[in-house]
Amino acid sequence: MPREIAIFGVYMPTLLPLLAATAAVHWSLDSVLARIGFYRLVWHPSLFRLCTFIGLYAAAGLYLYR
């Protein structure tokens, strides 16, 4: 996979569109977890949400650049 991607003639890092895709996946996962009441079991829901997003983004980046 190339390190840069051209969108409408503008070069941007490949991780930037990946950030948007990860945000969409995290938003849907977060809404499912909130709907089933998972956050009542978590000590600090905001910290858990942040760590979940970072984990998803890191996993997607590592998968992309392996």
C-alpha atoms as a PDB file:
ATOM      1  CA  MET A   1       0.000   0.000   0.000  1.00  0.00           C
ATOM      2  CA  PRO A   2       1.365   3.443  -0.856  1.00  0.00           C
ATOM      3  CA  ARG A   3       2.273   5.830   1.911  1.00  0.00           C
ATOM      4  CA  GLU A   4       0.267   8.647   0.308  1.00  0.00           C
ATOM      5  CA  ILE A   5      -3.064   8.622  -1.446  1.00  0.00           C
ATOM      6  CA  ALA A   6      -4.319  11.257  -3.884  1.00  0.00           C
ATOM      7  CA  ILE A   7      -7.879  12.475  -3.346  1.00  0.00           C
ATOM      8  CA  PHE A   8      -8.968  15.147  -5.857  1.00  0.00           C
ATOM      9  CA  GLY A   9      -5.321  15.903  -6.615  1.00  0.00           C
ATOM     10  CA  VAL A  10      -4.349  16.410  -2.980  1.00  0.00           C
ATOM     11  CA  TYR A  11      -1.819  14.022  -1.494  1.00  0.00           C
ATOM     12  CA  MET A  12      -2.557  12.944   2.044  1.00  0.00           C
ATOM     13  CA  PRO A  13      -1.231  10.190   4.266  1.00  0.00           C
ATOM     14  CA  THR A  14      -3.038   6.883   3.990  1.00  0.00           C
ATOM     15  CA  LEU A  15      -3.685   6.950   7.717  1.00  0.00           C
ATOM     16  CA  LEU A  16      -5.961  10.002   7.400  1.00  0.00           C
ATOM     17  CA  PRO A  17      -8.798   8.236   5.505  1.00  0.00           C
ATOM     18  CA  LEU A  18      -8.154   5.268   7.768  1.00  0.00           C
ATOM     19  CA  LEU A  19      -8.830   7.566  10.736  1.00  0.00           C
ATOM     20  CA  ALA A  20     -12.244   8.443   9.312  1.00  0.00           C
ATOM     21  CA  ALA A  21     -13.063   4.782   8.668  1.00  0.00           C
ATOM     22  CA  THR A  22     -11.961   3.816  12.165  1.00  0.00           C
ATOM     23  CA  ALA A  23     -14.078   6.610  13.630  1.00  0.00           C
ATOM     24  CA  ALA A  24     -17.138   5.253  11.810  1.00  0.00           C
ATOM     25  CA  VAL A  25     -16.464   1.707  13.039  1.00  0.00           C
ATOM     26  CA  HIS A  26     -15.883   2.979  16.576  1.00  0.00           C
ATOM     27  CA  TRP A  27     -19.081   5.019  16.517  1.00  0.00           C
ATOM     28  CA  SER A  28     -21.148   1.993  15.515  1.00  0.00           C
ATOM     29  CA  LEU A  29     -19.410  -0.264  18.064  1.00  0.00           C
ATOM     30  CA  ASP A  30     -19.887   2.373  20.756  1.00  0.00           C
ATOM     31  CA  SER A  31     -23.597   2.669  20.051  1.00  0.00           C
ATOM     32  CA  VAL A  32     -24.032  -1.114  20.206  1.00  0.00           C
ATOM     33  CA  LEU A  33     -22.139  -1.333  23.506  1.00  0.00           C
ATOM     34  CA  ALA A  34     -24.146   1.546  24.969  1.00  0.00           C
ATOM     35  CA  ARG A  35     -27.428  -0.005  23.852  1.00  0.00           C
ATOM     36  CA  ILE A  36     -26.729  -3.346  25.530  1.00  0.00           C
ATOM     37  CA  GLY A  37     -25.615  -1.622  28.735  1.00  0.00           C
ATOM     38  CA  PHE A  38     -21.965  -2.672  28.659  1.00  0.00           C
ATOM     39  CA  TYR A  39     -20.743   0.659  30.046  1.00  0.00           C
ATOM     40  CA  ARG A  40     -22.422  -0.026  33.384  1.00  0.00           C
ATOM     41  CA  LEU A  41     -19.787  -2.736  33.914  1.00  0.00           C
ATOM     42  CA  VAL A  42     -16.809  -0.541  32.986  1.00  0.00           C
ATOM     43  CA  TRP A  43     -15.027   1.475  35.663  1.00  0.00           C
ATOM     44  CA  HIS A  44     -14.355   4.558  33.515  1.00  0.00           C
ATOM     45  CA  PRO A  45     -16.469   4.621  30.315  1.00  0.00           C
ATOM     46  CA  SER A  46     -14.722   7.609  28.724  1.00  0.00           C
ATOM     47  CA  LEU A  47     -11.301   6.052  29.174  1.00  0.00           C
ATOM     48  CA  PHE A  48     -12.597   2.759  27.818  1.00  0.00           C
ATOM     49  CA  ARG A  49     -14.000   4.523  24.737  1.00  0.00           C
ATOM     50  CA  LEU A  50     -10.680   6.256  24.110  1.00  0.00           C
ATOM     51  CA  CYS A  51      -8.699   3.041  24.508  1.00  0.00           C
ATOM     52  CA  THR A  52     -11.093   1.195  22.220  1.00  0.00           C
ATOM     53  CA  PHE A  53     -10.630   3.828  19.508  1.00  0.00           C
ATOM     54  CA  ILE A  54      -6.847   3.817  19.874  1.00  0.00           C
ATOM     55  CA  GLY A  55      -6.784   0.018  19.736  1.00  0.00           C
ATOM     56  CA  LEU A  56      -8.944  -0.098  16.610  1.00  0.00           C
ATOM     57  CA  TYR A  57      -6.878   2.594  14.889  1.00  0.00           C
ATOM     58  CA  ALA A  58      -3.580   0.929  15.768  1.00  0.00           C
ATOM     59  CA  ALA A  59      -4.811  -2.470  14.603  1.00  0.00           C
ATOM     60  CA  ALA A  60      -6.025  -1.016  11.299  1.00  0.00           C
ATOM     61  CA  GLY A  61      -2.746   0.840  10.781  1.00  0.00           C
ATOM     62  CA  LEU A  62      -0.682  -2.244  11.522  1.00  0.00           C
ATOM     63  CA  TYR A  63      -2.849  -4.306   9.188  1.00  0.00           C
ATOM     64  CA  LEU A  64      -2.452  -1.695   6.448  1.00  0.00           C
ATOM     65  CA  TYR A  65       1.335  -1.408   6.695  1.00  0.00           C
ATOM     66  CA  ARG A  66       2.315  -5.020   7.347  1.00  0.00           C
END
